[in-house]
PDB file of N, CA and C in Angstrom:
ATOM      1  N   MET A   1       0.826  -1.178   0.000  1.00  0.00           N
ATOM      2  CA  MET A   1       0.000   0.000   0.000  1.00  0.00           C
ATOM      3  C   MET A   1       0.875   1.247   0.000  1.00  0.00           C
ATOM      4  N   THR A   2       0.317   2.290  -0.506  1.00  0.00           N
ATOM      5  CA  THR A   2       1.049   3.545  -0.519  1.00  0.00           C
ATOM      6  C   THR A   2       1.061   4.164   0.870  1.00  0.00           C
ATOM      7  N   GLY A   3       1.948   5.095   1.095  1.00  0.00           N
ATOM      8  CA  GLY A   3       2.035   5.762   2.384  1.00  0.00           C
ATOM      9  C   GLY A   3       0.791   6.558   2.709  1.00  0.00           C
ATOM     10  N   LYS A   4       0.170   7.137   1.705  1.00  0.00           N
ATOM     11  CA  LYS A   4      -1.029   7.939   1.919  1.00  0.00           C
ATOM     12  C   LYS A   4      -2.186   7.075   2.420  1.00  0.00           C
ATOM     13  N   LYS A   5      -2.355   5.907   1.786  1.00  0.00           N
ATOM     14  CA  LYS A   5      -3.439   5.023   2.195  1.00  0.00           C
ATOM     15  C   LYS A   5      -3.166   4.411   3.566  1.00  0.00           C
ATOM     16  N   THR A   6      -1.935   4.075   3.840  1.00  0.00           N
ATOM     17  CA  THR A   6      -1.570   3.523   5.137  1.00  0.00           C
ATOM     18  C   THR A   6      -1.840   4.524   6.251  1.00  0.00           C
ATOM     19  N   SER A   7      -1.516   5.784   6.021  1.00  0.00           N
ATOM     20  CA  SER A   7      -1.769   6.827   7.013  1.00  0.00           C
ATOM     21  C   SER A   7      -3.265   7.008   7.258  1.00  0.00           C
ATOM     22  N   ARG A   8      -4.053   6.961   6.191  1.00  0.00           N
ATOM     23  CA  ARG A   8      -5.498   7.101   6.330  1.00  0.00           C
ATOM     24  C   ARG A   8      -6.072   5.942   7.144  1.00  0.00           C
ATOM     25  N   LEU A   9      -5.633   4.730   6.854  1.00  0.00           N
ATOM     26  CA  LEU A   9      -6.135   3.569   7.577  1.00  0.00           C
ATOM     27  C   LEU A   9      -5.708   3.597   9.049  1.00  0.00           C
ATOM     28  N   ARG A  10      -4.537   4.118   9.331  1.00  0.00           N
ATOM     29  CA  ARG A  10      -4.085   4.252  10.714  1.00  0.00           C
ATOM     30  C   ARG A  10      -4.966   5.241  11.469  1.00  0.00           C
ATOM     31  N   ARG A  11      -5.277   6.379  10.832  1.00  0.00           N
ATOM     32  CA  ARG A  11      -6.174   7.353  11.461  1.00  0.00           C
ATOM     33  C   ARG A  11      -7.566   6.755  11.671  1.00  0.00           C
ATOM     34  N   ALA A  12      -8.040   5.995  10.694  1.00  0.00           N
ATOM     35  CA  ALA A  12      -9.362   5.381  10.790  1.00  0.00           C
ATOM     36  C   ALA A  12      -9.407   4.377  11.929  1.00  0.00           C
ATOM     37  N   LYS A  13      -8.369   3.592  12.070  1.00  0.00           N
ATOM     38  CA  LYS A  13      -8.323   2.583  13.131  1.00  0.00           C
ATOM     39  C   LYS A  13      -8.349   3.236  14.505  1.00  0.00           C
ATOM     40  N   ARG A  14      -7.611   4.313  14.661  1.00  0.00           N
ATOM     41  CA  ARG A  14      -7.559   5.018  15.937  1.00  0.00           C
ATOM     42  C   ARG A  14      -8.946   5.560  16.299  1.00  0.00           C
ATOM     43  N   ALA A  15      -9.629   6.143  15.337  1.00  0.00           N
ATOM     44  CA  ALA A  15     -10.955   6.705  15.600  1.00  0.00           C
ATOM     45  C   ALA A  15     -11.971   5.600  15.883  1.00  0.00           C
ATOM     46  N   ARG A  16     -11.900   4.508  15.157  1.00  0.00           N
ATOM     47  CA  ARG A  16     -12.854   3.410  15.357  1.00  0.00           C
ATOM     48  C   ARG A  16     -12.674   2.733  16.708  1.00  0.00           C
ATOM     49  N   MET A  17     -11.445   2.646  17.182  1.00  0.00           N
ATOM     50  CA  MET A  17     -11.218   2.079  18.515  1.00  0.00           C
ATOM     51  C   MET A  17     -11.849   2.965  19.594  1.00  0.00           C
ATOM     52  N   LYS A  18     -11.772   4.273  19.429  1.00  0.00           N
ATOM     53  CA  LYS A  18     -12.382   5.195  20.378  1.00  0.00           C
ATOM     54  C   LYS A  18     -13.904   5.090  20.331  1.00  0.00           C
ATOM     55  N   ILE A  19     -14.473   4.971  19.135  1.00  0.00           N
ATOM     56  CA  ILE A  19     -15.926   4.824  18.994  1.00  0.00           C
ATOM     57  C   ILE A  19     -16.379   3.517  19.631  1.00  0.00           C
ATOM     58  N   ARG A  20     -15.627   2.453  19.428  1.00  0.00           N
ATOM     59  CA  ARG A  20     -15.960   1.153  20.017  1.00  0.00           C
ATOM     60  C   ARG A  20     -15.877   1.213  21.537  1.00  0.00           C
ATOM     61  N   GLN A  21     -14.912   1.953  22.047  1.00  0.00           N
ATOM     62  CA  GLN A  21     -14.740   2.086  23.490  1.00  0.00           C
ATOM     63  C   GLN A  21     -15.949   2.789  24.123  1.00  0.00           C
ATOM     64  N   HIS A  22     -16.512   3.771  23.428  1.00  0.00           N
ATOM     65  CA  HIS A  22     -17.680   4.490  23.930  1.00  0.00           C
ATOM     66  C   HIS A  22     -18.985   3.747  23.678  1.00  0.00           C
ATOM     67  N   ARG A  23     -18.935   2.680  22.885  1.00  0.00           N
ATOM     68  CA  ARG A  23     -20.114   1.863  22.553  1.00  0.00           C
ATOM     69  C   ARG A  23     -21.255   2.717  21.996  1.00  0.00           C
ATOM     70  N   SER A  24     -20.966   3.505  20.991  1.00  0.00           N
ATOM     71  CA  SER A  24     -21.987   4.364  20.409  1.00  0.00           C
ATOM     72  C   SER A  24     -22.271   3.947  18.964  1.00  0.00           C
ATOM     73  N   VAL A  25     -23.459   4.277  18.518  1.00  0.00           N
ATOM     74  CA  VAL A  25     -23.845   4.051  17.128  1.00  0.00           C
ATOM     75  C   VAL A  25     -23.014   5.004  16.272  1.00  0.00           C
ATOM     76  N   SER A  26     -22.505   4.525  15.136  1.00  0.00           N
ATOM     77  CA  SER A  26     -21.614   5.364  14.337  1.00  0.00           C
ATOM     78  C   SER A  26     -22.167   5.613  12.941  1.00  0.00           C
ATOM     79  N   LEU A  27     -21.877   6.789  12.442  1.00  0.00           N
ATOM     80  CA  LEU A  27     -22.155   7.150  11.049  1.00  0.00           C
ATOM     81  C   LEU A  27     -20.827   7.040  10.312  1.00  0.00           C
ATOM     82  N   CYS A  28     -20.679   5.987   9.531  1.00  0.00           N
ATOM     83  CA  CYS A  28     -19.421   5.699   8.845  1.00  0.00           C
ATOM     84  C   CYS A  28     -19.509   6.198   7.405  1.00  0.00           C
ATOM     85  N   VAL A  29     -18.501   6.954   6.997  1.00  0.00           N
ATOM     86  CA  VAL A  29     -18.479   7.562   5.663  1.00  0.00           C
ATOM     87  C   VAL A  29     -17.314   6.987   4.875  1.00  0.00           C
ATOM     88  N   ASN A  30     -17.558   6.695   3.616  1.00  0.00           N
ATOM     89  CA  ASN A  30     -16.492   6.274   2.716  1.00  0.00           C
ATOM     90  C   ASN A  30     -16.647   7.069   1.429  1.00  0.00           C
ATOM     91  N   ARG A  31     -15.532   7.475   0.861  1.00  0.00           N
ATOM     92  CA  ARG A  31     -15.600   8.214  -0.395  1.00  0.00           C
ATOM     93  C   ARG A  31     -14.615   7.618  -1.385  1.00  0.00           C
ATOM     94  N   THR A  32     -15.011   7.641  -2.623  1.00  0.00           N
ATOM     95  CA  THR A  32     -14.144   7.290  -3.734  1.00  0.00           C
ATOM     96  C   THR A  32     -14.173   8.484  -4.674  1.00  0.00           C
ATOM     97  N   PRO A  33     -13.327   8.517  -5.673  1.00  0.00           N
ATOM     98  CA  PRO A  33     -13.384   9.667  -6.592  1.00  0.00           C
ATOM     99  C   PRO A  33     -14.729   9.831  -7.279  1.00  0.00           C
ATOM    100  N   ARG A  34     -15.480   8.758  -7.402  1.00  0.00           N
ATOM    101  CA  ARG A  34     -16.733   8.832  -8.136  1.00  0.00           C
ATOM    102  C   ARG A  34     -17.991   8.788  -7.265  1.00  0.00           C
ATOM    103  N   HIS A  35     -17.921   8.192  -6.087  1.00  0.00           N
ATOM    104  CA  HIS A  35     -19.129   7.984  -5.282  1.00  0.00           C
ATOM    105  C   HIS A  35     -18.892   8.299  -3.810  1.00  0.00           C
ATOM    106  N   MET A  36     -20.006   8.461  -3.069  1.00  0.00           N
ATOM    107  CA  MET A  36     -20.007   8.641  -1.612  1.00  0.00           C
ATOM    108  C   MET A  36     -20.927   7.587  -1.008  1.00  0.00           C
ATOM    109  N   TYR A  37     -20.504   7.044   0.121  1.00  0.00           N
ATOM    110  CA  TYR A  37     -21.268   6.024   0.820  1.00  0.00           C
ATOM    111  C   TYR A  37     -21.370   6.422   2.283  1.00  0.00           C
ATOM    112  N   ALA A  38     -22.508   6.169   2.912  1.00  0.00           N
ATOM    113  CA  ALA A  38     -22.688   6.448   4.332  1.00  0.00           C
ATOM    114  C   ALA A  38     -23.548   5.351   4.937  1.00  0.00           C
ATOM    115  N   GLN A  39     -23.135   4.873   6.126  1.00  0.00           N
ATOM    116  CA  GLN A  39     -23.873   3.834   6.833  1.00  0.00           C
ATOM    117  C   GLN A  39     -23.972   4.208   8.301  1.00  0.00           C
ATOM    118  N   VAL A  40     -25.104   3.922   8.896  1.00  0.00           N
ATOM    119  CA  VAL A  40     -25.256   4.018  10.336  1.00  0.00           C
ATOM    120  C   VAL A  40     -25.134   2.599  10.862  1.00  0.00           C
ATOM    121  N   ILE A  41     -24.096   2.367  11.673  1.00  0.00           N
ATOM    122  CA  ILE A  41     -23.759   1.024  12.138  1.00  0.00           C
ATOM    123  C   ILE A  41     -24.059   0.932  13.626  1.00  0.00           C
ATOM    124  N   SER A  42     -24.606  -0.208  14.055  1.00  0.00           N
ATOM    125  CA  SER A  42     -24.976  -0.407  15.454  1.00  0.00           C
ATOM    126  C   SER A  42     -23.756  -0.340  16.363  1.00  0.00           C
ATOM    127  N   SER A  43     -23.987  -0.197  17.652  1.00  0.00           N
ATOM    128  CA  SER A  43     -22.896  -0.009  18.608  1.00  0.00           C
ATOM    129  C   SER A  43     -22.000  -1.238  18.719  1.00  0.00           C
ATOM    130  N   ASP A  44     -22.538  -2.428  18.511  1.00  0.00           N
ATOM    131  CA  ASP A  44     -21.686  -3.611  18.551  1.00  0.00           C
ATOM    132  C   ASP A  44     -21.067  -3.930  17.192  1.00  0.00           C
ATOM    133  N   GLY A  45     -21.434  -3.215  16.168  1.00  0.00           N
ATOM    134  CA  GLY A  45     -20.787  -3.309  14.865  1.00  0.00           C
ATOM    135  C   GLY A  45     -21.234  -4.454  13.991  1.00  0.00           C
ATOM    136  N   ASP A  46     -22.340  -5.102  14.318  1.00  0.00           N
ATOM    137  CA  ASP A  46     -22.750  -6.252  13.526  1.00  0.00           C
ATOM    138  C   ASP A  46     -23.933  -5.992  12.601  1.00  0.00           C
ATOM    139  N   ARG A  47     -24.559  -4.806  12.711  1.00  0.00           N
ATOM    140  CA  ARG A  47     -25.706  -4.516  11.853  1.00  0.00           C
ATOM    141  C   ARG A  47     -25.620  -3.123  11.269  1.00  0.00           C
ATOM    142  N   THR A  48     -26.077  -3.001  10.038  1.00  0.00           N
ATOM    143  CA  THR A  48     -26.237  -1.698   9.410  1.00  0.00           C
ATOM    144  C   THR A  48     -27.682  -1.271   9.616  1.00  0.00           C
ATOM    145  N   LEU A  49     -27.883  -0.159  10.304  1.00  0.00           N
ATOM    146  CA  LEU A  49     -29.218   0.295  10.649  1.00  0.00           C
ATOM    147  C   LEU A  49     -29.829   1.191   9.576  1.00  0.00           C
ATOM    148  N   ALA A  50     -28.993   1.940   8.859  1.00  0.00           N
ATOM    149  CA  ALA A  50     -29.453   2.801   7.766  1.00  0.00           C
ATOM    150  C   ALA A  50     -28.270   3.037   6.837  1.00  0.00           C
ATOM    151  N   SER A  51     -28.557   3.202   5.562  1.00  0.00           N
ATOM    152  CA  SER A  51     -27.469   3.459   4.623  1.00  0.00           C
ATOM    153  C   SER A  51     -27.980   4.276   3.445  1.00  0.00           C
ATOM    154  N   ALA A  52     -27.040   4.933   2.782  1.00  0.00           N
ATOM    155  CA  ALA A  52     -27.344   5.691   1.568  1.00  0.00           C
ATOM    156  C   ALA A  52     -26.046   5.856   0.793  1.00  0.00           C
ATOM    157  N   SER A  53     -26.168   5.945  -0.511  1.00  0.00           N
ATOM    158  CA  SER A  53     -24.991   6.176  -1.347  1.00  0.00           C
ATOM    159  C   SER A  53     -25.423   6.789  -2.665  1.00  0.00           C
ATOM    160  N   THR A  54     -24.446   7.257  -3.412  1.00  0.00           N
ATOM    161  CA  THR A  54     -24.752   7.829  -4.717  1.00  0.00           C
ATOM    162  C   THR A  54     -25.009   6.747  -5.758  1.00  0.00           C
ATOM    163  N   LEU A  55     -24.930   5.494  -5.361  1.00  0.00           N
ATOM    164  CA  LEU A  55     -25.264   4.406  -6.280  1.00  0.00           C
ATOM    165  C   LEU A  55     -26.774   4.191  -6.399  1.00  0.00           C
ATOM    166  N   GLU A  56     -27.534   4.772  -5.487  1.00  0.00           N
ATOM    167  CA  GLU A  56     -28.983   4.617  -5.530  1.00  0.00           C
ATOM    168  C   GLU A  56     -29.566   5.326  -6.740  1.00  0.00           C
ATOM    169  N   GLN A  57     -30.650   4.786  -7.232  1.00  0.00           N
ATOM    170  CA  GLN A  57     -31.218   5.244  -8.501  1.00  0.00           C
ATOM    171  C   GLN A  57     -31.602   6.722  -8.472  1.00  0.00           C
ATOM    172  N   ASP A  58     -32.218   7.194  -7.367  1.00  0.00           N
ATOM    173  CA  ASP A  58     -32.649   8.598  -7.344  1.00  0.00           C
ATOM    174  C   ASP A  58     -31.498   9.574  -7.144  1.00  0.00           C
ATOM    175  N   LEU A  59     -30.340   9.119  -6.668  1.00  0.00           N
ATOM    176  CA  LEU A  59     -29.189  10.014  -6.488  1.00  0.00           C
ATOM    177  C   LEU A  59     -28.175   9.905  -7.618  1.00  0.00           C
ATOM    178  N   ARG A  60     -28.415   9.020  -8.550  1.00  0.00           N
ATOM    179  CA  ARG A  60     -27.438   8.736  -9.593  1.00  0.00           C
ATOM    180  C   ARG A  60     -27.453   9.715 -10.753  1.00  0.00           C
ATOM    181  N   SER A  61     -28.470  10.523 -10.842  1.00  0.00           N
ATOM    182  CA  SER A  61     -28.563  11.439 -11.976  1.00  0.00           C
ATOM    183  C   SER A  61     -27.493  12.523 -11.861  1.00  0.00           C
ATOM    184  N   GLY A  62     -26.801  12.778 -12.939  1.00  0.00           N
ATOM    185  CA  GLY A  62     -25.773  13.816 -12.950  1.00  0.00           C
ATOM    186  C   GLY A  62     -24.459  13.335 -12.381  1.00  0.00           C
ATOM    187  N   ASN A  63     -23.674  14.282 -11.902  1.00  0.00           N
ATOM    188  CA  ASN A  63     -22.358  13.974 -11.351  1.00  0.00           C
ATOM    189  C   ASN A  63     -22.517  13.451  -9.923  1.00  0.00           C
ATOM    190  N   THR A  64     -21.877  12.331  -9.595  1.00  0.00           N
ATOM    191  CA  THR A  64     -22.026  11.720  -8.279  1.00  0.00           C
ATOM    192  C   THR A  64     -20.821  11.934  -7.381  1.00  0.00           C
ATOM    193  N   GLY A  65     -19.779  12.578  -7.857  1.00  0.00           N
ATOM    194  CA  GLY A  65     -18.573  12.761  -7.067  1.00  0.00           C
ATOM    195  C   GLY A  65     -18.335  14.200  -6.649  1.00  0.00           C
ATOM    196  N   ASN A  66     -19.407  14.943  -6.373  1.00  0.00           N
ATOM    197  CA  ASN A  66     -19.219  16.342  -5.990  1.00  0.00           C
ATOM    198  C   ASN A  66     -19.875  16.636  -4.640  1.00  0.00           C
ATOM    199  N   ILE A  67     -19.734  17.856  -4.183  1.00  0.00           N
ATOM    200  CA  ILE A  67     -20.232  18.249  -2.865  1.00  0.00           C
ATOM    201  C   ILE A  67     -21.756  18.191  -2.804  1.00  0.00           C
ATOM    202  N   ASP A  68     -22.432  18.548  -3.866  1.00  0.00           N
ATOM    203  CA  ASP A  68     -23.895  18.539  -3.871  1.00  0.00           C
ATOM    204  C   ASP A  68     -24.447  17.133  -3.676  1.00  0.00           C
ATOM    205  N   SER A  69     -23.875  16.154  -4.356  1.00  0.00           N
ATOM    206  CA  SER A  69     -24.354  14.781  -4.209  1.00  0.00           C
ATOM    207  C   SER A  69     -24.006  14.234  -2.828  1.00  0.00           C
ATOM    208  N   ALA A  70     -22.875  14.652  -2.254  1.00  0.00           N
ATOM    209  CA  ALA A  70     -22.524  14.226  -0.899  1.00  0.00           C
ATOM    210  C   ALA A  70     -23.526  14.770   0.110  1.00  0.00           C
ATOM    211  N   ALA A  71     -23.972  16.002  -0.093  1.00  0.00           N
ATOM    212  CA  ALA A  71     -24.975  16.590   0.796  1.00  0.00           C
ATOM    213  C   ALA A  71     -26.300  15.833   0.692  1.00  0.00           C
ATOM    214  N   LEU A  72     -26.667  15.396  -0.497  1.00  0.00           N
ATOM    215  CA  LEU A  72     -27.891  14.604  -0.664  1.00  0.00           C
ATOM    216  C   LEU A  72     -27.784  13.268   0.063  1.00  0.00           C
ATOM    217  N   VAL A  73     -26.620  12.634  -0.005  1.00  0.00           N
ATOM    218  CA  VAL A  73     -26.407  11.365   0.698  1.00  0.00           C
ATOM    219  C   VAL A  73     -26.520  11.573   2.205  1.00  0.00           C
ATOM    220  N   GLY A  74     -25.929  12.639   2.719  1.00  0.00           N
ATOM    221  CA  GLY A  74     -26.008  12.929   4.147  1.00  0.00           C
ATOM    222  C   GLY A  74     -27.428  13.150   4.615  1.00  0.00           C
ATOM    223  N   ARG A  75     -28.187  13.899   3.837  1.00  0.00           N
ATOM    224  CA  ARG A  75     -29.578  14.151   4.200  1.00  0.00           C
ATOM    225  C   ARG A  75     -30.391  12.863   4.183  1.00  0.00           C
ATOM    226  N   LEU A  76     -30.167  12.029   3.164  1.00  0.00           N
ATOM    227  CA  LEU A  76     -30.931  10.791   3.029  1.00  0.00           C
ATOM    228  C   LEU A  76     -30.606   9.802   4.141  1.00  0.00           C
ATOM    229  N   VAL A  77     -29.328   9.645   4.479  1.00  0.00           N
ATOM    230  CA  VAL A  77     -28.973   8.697   5.546  1.00  0.00           C
ATOM    231  C   VAL A  77     -29.485   9.193   6.890  1.00  0.00           C
ATOM    232  N   ALA A  78     -29.500  10.498   7.116  1.00  0.00           N
ATOM    233  CA  ALA A  78     -30.022  11.038   8.369  1.00  0.00           C
ATOM    234  C   ALA A  78     -31.528  10.824   8.474  1.00  0.00           C
ATOM    235  N   GLU A  79     -32.244  11.029   7.391  1.00  0.00           N
ATOM    236  CA  GLU A  79     -33.684  10.800   7.407  1.00  0.00           C
ATOM    237  C   GLU A  79     -34.002   9.343   7.693  1.00  0.00           C
ATOM    238  N   ARG A  80     -33.240   8.430   7.107  1.00  0.00           N
ATOM    239  CA  ARG A  80     -33.459   6.999   7.334  1.00  0.00           C
ATOM    240  C   ARG A  80     -33.096   6.609   8.767  1.00  0.00           C
ATOM    241  N   ALA A  81     -32.070   7.216   9.312  1.00  0.00           N
ATOM    242  CA  ALA A  81     -31.675   6.913  10.685  1.00  0.00           C
ATOM    243  C   ALA A  81     -32.714   7.431  11.675  1.00  0.00           C
ATOM    244  N   VAL A  82     -33.208   8.632  11.462  1.00  0.00           N
ATOM    245  CA  VAL A  82     -34.232   9.193  12.345  1.00  0.00           C
ATOM    246  C   VAL A  82     -35.503   8.360  12.253  1.00  0.00           C
ATOM    247  N   ALA A  83     -35.840   7.873  11.064  1.00  0.00           N
ATOM    248  CA  ALA A  83     -37.004   7.006  10.906  1.00  0.00           C
ATOM    249  C   ALA A  83     -36.819   5.686  11.655  1.00  0.00           C
ATOM    250  N   ALA A  84     -35.566   5.229  11.778  1.00  0.00           N
ATOM    251  CA  ALA A  84     -35.273   3.998  12.517  1.00  0.00           C
ATOM    252  C   ALA A  84     -35.151   4.248  14.014  1.00  0.00           C
ATOM    253  N   GLY A  85     -35.280   5.505  14.462  1.00  0.00           N
ATOM    254  CA  GLY A  85     -35.253   5.828  15.877  1.00  0.00           C
ATOM    255  C   GLY A  85     -33.886   6.210  16.417  1.00  0.00           C
ATOM    256  N   ILE A  86     -32.956   6.559  15.547  1.00  0.00           N
ATOM    257  CA  ILE A  86     -31.609   6.924  15.971  1.00  0.00           C
ATOM    258  C   ILE A  86     -31.451   8.430  15.817  1.00  0.00           C
ATOM    259  N   LYS A  87     -31.041   9.073  16.889  1.00  0.00           N
ATOM    260  CA  LYS A  87     -30.838  10.517  16.845  1.00  0.00           C
ATOM    261  C   LYS A  87     -29.399  10.911  17.155  1.00  0.00           C
ATOM    262  N   GLN A  88     -28.686  10.108  17.955  1.00  0.00           N
ATOM    263  CA  GLN A  88     -27.321  10.409  18.375  1.00  0.00           C
ATOM    264  C   GLN A  88     -26.369   9.386  17.756  1.00  0.00           C
ATOM    265  N   VAL A  89     -25.337   9.860  17.052  1.00  0.00           N
ATOM    266  CA  VAL A  89     -24.333   8.983  16.442  1.00  0.00           C
ATOM    267  C   VAL A  89     -22.943   9.562  16.682  1.00  0.00           C
ATOM    268  N   ALA A  90     -21.947   8.720  16.480  1.00  0.00           N
ATOM    269  CA  ALA A  90     -20.556   9.168  16.458  1.00  0.00           C
ATOM    270  C   ALA A  90     -20.137   9.213  14.996  1.00  0.00           C
ATOM    271  N   PHE A  91     -19.462  10.266  14.591  1.00  0.00           N
ATOM    272  CA  PHE A  91     -19.097  10.444  13.187  1.00  0.00           C
ATOM    273  C   PHE A  91     -17.753   9.773  12.911  1.00  0.00           C
ATOM    274  N   ASP A  92     -17.778   8.739  12.078  1.00  0.00           N
ATOM    275  CA  ASP A  92     -16.566   8.019  11.679  1.00  0.00           C
ATOM    276  C   ASP A  92     -16.250   8.431  10.252  1.00  0.00           C
ATOM    277  N   ARG A  93     -15.234   9.261  10.077  1.00  0.00           N
ATOM    278  CA  ARG A  93     -14.890   9.767   8.754  1.00  0.00           C
ATOM    279  C   ARG A  93     -13.918   8.859   8.028  1.00  0.00           C
ATOM    280  N   SER A  94     -13.588   7.700   8.588  1.00  0.00           N
ATOM    281  CA  SER A  94     -12.725   6.681   7.979  1.00  0.00           C
ATOM    282  C   SER A  94     -11.334   7.206   7.648  1.00  0.00           C
ATOM    283  N   GLY A  95     -10.843   8.133   8.427  1.00  0.00           N
ATOM    284  CA  GLY A  95      -9.507   8.657   8.225  1.00  0.00           C
ATOM    285  C   GLY A  95      -9.402   9.746   7.182  1.00  0.00           C
ATOM    286  N   PHE A  96     -10.506  10.076   6.520  1.00  0.00           N
ATOM    287  CA  PHE A  96     -10.479  11.145   5.522  1.00  0.00           C
ATOM    288  C   PHE A  96     -10.470  12.492   6.225  1.00  0.00           C
ATOM    289  N   LYS A  97      -9.886  13.502   5.593  1.00  0.00           N
ATOM    290  CA  LYS A  97      -9.886  14.841   6.163  1.00  0.00           C
ATOM    291  C   LYS A  97     -11.308  15.384   6.201  1.00  0.00           C
ATOM    292  N   TYR A  98     -11.585  16.187   7.220  1.00  0.00           N
ATOM    293  CA  TYR A  98     -12.913  16.760   7.385  1.00  0.00           C
ATOM    294  C   TYR A  98     -13.009  18.052   6.584  1.00  0.00           C
ATOM    295  N   HIS A  99     -13.152  17.910   5.292  1.00  0.00           N
ATOM    296  CA  HIS A  99     -13.380  19.056   4.416  1.00  0.00           C
ATOM    297  C   HIS A  99     -13.994  18.534   3.134  1.00  0.00           C
ATOM    298  N   GLY A 100     -14.486  19.421   2.310  1.00  0.00           N
ATOM    299  CA  GLY A 100     -15.048  19.030   1.018  1.00  0.00           C
ATOM    300  C   GLY A 100     -16.289  18.174   1.159  1.00  0.00           C
ATOM    301  N   ARG A 101     -16.249  17.017   0.504  1.00  0.00           N
ATOM    302  CA  ARG A 101     -17.421  16.149   0.463  1.00  0.00           C
ATOM    303  C   ARG A 101     -17.762  15.543   1.820  1.00  0.00           C
ATOM    304  N   VAL A 102     -16.768  15.212   2.612  1.00  0.00           N
ATOM    305  CA  VAL A 102     -17.021  14.644   3.938  1.00  0.00           C
ATOM    306  C   VAL A 102     -17.705  15.677   4.826  1.00  0.00           C
ATOM    307  N   LYS A 103     -17.258  16.905   4.774  1.00  0.00           N
ATOM    308  CA  LYS A 103     -17.864  17.978   5.560  1.00  0.00           C
ATOM    309  C   LYS A 103     -19.282  18.273   5.081  1.00  0.00           C
ATOM    310  N   ALA A 104     -19.498  18.263   3.773  1.00  0.00           N
ATOM    311  CA  ALA A 104     -20.835  18.518   3.234  1.00  0.00           C
ATOM    312  C   ALA A 104     -21.814  17.433   3.683  1.00  0.00           C
ATOM    313  N   LEU A 105     -21.377  16.187   3.685  1.00  0.00           N
ATOM    314  CA  LEU A 105     -22.216  15.083   4.131  1.00  0.00           C
ATOM    315  C   LEU A 105     -22.554  15.252   5.617  1.00  0.00           C
ATOM    316  N   ALA A 106     -21.566  15.587   6.423  1.00  0.00           N
ATOM    317  CA  ALA A 106     -21.793  15.752   7.863  1.00  0.00           C
ATOM    318  C   ALA A 106     -22.735  16.912   8.148  1.00  0.00           C
ATOM    319  N   ASP A 107     -22.537  18.032   7.488  1.00  0.00           N
ATOM    320  CA  ASP A 107     -23.384  19.204   7.722  1.00  0.00           C
ATOM    321  C   ASP A 107     -24.838  18.930   7.340  1.00  0.00           C
ATOM    322  N   SER A 108     -25.064  18.261   6.223  1.00  0.00           N
ATOM    323  CA  SER A 108     -26.444  17.988   5.813  1.00  0.00           C
ATOM    324  C   SER A 108     -27.088  16.935   6.709  1.00  0.00           C
ATOM    325  N   ALA A 109     -26.300  16.003   7.250  1.00  0.00           N
ATOM    326  CA  ALA A 109     -26.851  15.022   8.192  1.00  0.00           C
ATOM    327  C   ALA A 109     -27.267  15.714   9.485  1.00  0.00           C
ATOM    328  N   ARG A 110     -26.482  16.700   9.926  1.00  0.00           N
ATOM    329  CA  ARG A 110     -26.850  17.457  11.133  1.00  0.00           C
ATOM    330  C   ARG A 110     -28.119  18.263  10.895  1.00  0.00           C
ATOM    331  N   GLU A 111     -28.239  18.866   9.719  1.00  0.00           N
ATOM    332  CA  GLU A 111     -29.433  19.656   9.410  1.00  0.00           C
ATOM    333  C   GLU A 111     -30.687  18.778   9.350  1.00  0.00           C
ATOM    334  N   ALA A 112     -30.506  17.510   8.952  1.00  0.00           N
ATOM    335  CA  ALA A 112     -31.645  16.603   8.834  1.00  0.00           C
ATOM    336  C   ALA A 112     -32.037  15.948  10.153  1.00  0.00           C
ATOM    337  N   GLY A 113     -31.296  16.226  11.246  1.00  0.00           N
ATOM    338  CA  GLY A 113     -31.744  15.752  12.542  1.00  0.00           C
ATOM    339  C   GLY A 113     -30.785  14.881  13.325  1.00  0.00           C
ATOM    340  N   LEU A 114     -29.659  14.474  12.770  1.00  0.00           N
ATOM    341  CA  LEU A 114     -28.717  13.671  13.547  1.00  0.00           C
ATOM    342  C   LEU A 114     -27.837  14.568  14.409  1.00  0.00           C
ATOM    343  N   LYS A 115     -27.472  14.079  15.579  1.00  0.00           N
ATOM    344  CA  LYS A 115     -26.594  14.825  16.479  1.00  0.00           C
ATOM    345  C   LYS A 115     -25.298  14.056  16.629  1.00  0.00           C
ATOM    346  N   PHE A 116     -24.178  14.750  16.391  1.00  0.00           N
ATOM    347  CA  PHE A 116     -22.849  14.175  16.637  1.00  0.00           C
ATOM    348  C   PHE A 116     -21.847  15.273  16.805  1.00  0.00           C
TER     349      PHE A 116
END
């Protein structure tokens, strides 16, 4: 693996260990150059409670790798989580920097009702 990816995975591991220690439900974000993915994962880590991505049919129209589509994913995953009865989550950014698409997803999830 490259040094950049190794550093990201190291940061992700450190954050996930802290989330596991607090036993909280987590909002896990993954990004690729083309798509954004978000999942709300249970506190024990064995179930996905809500998910959304730009691969879904209604979010696939147009460009899927930009800030606008990331904001749509954040809003959709937050609405699904609130419908499932989850209001408080820990934000797991998977070692990615908190700017751009990751920040847009987080901000729109907060606006839609999730607290983290």
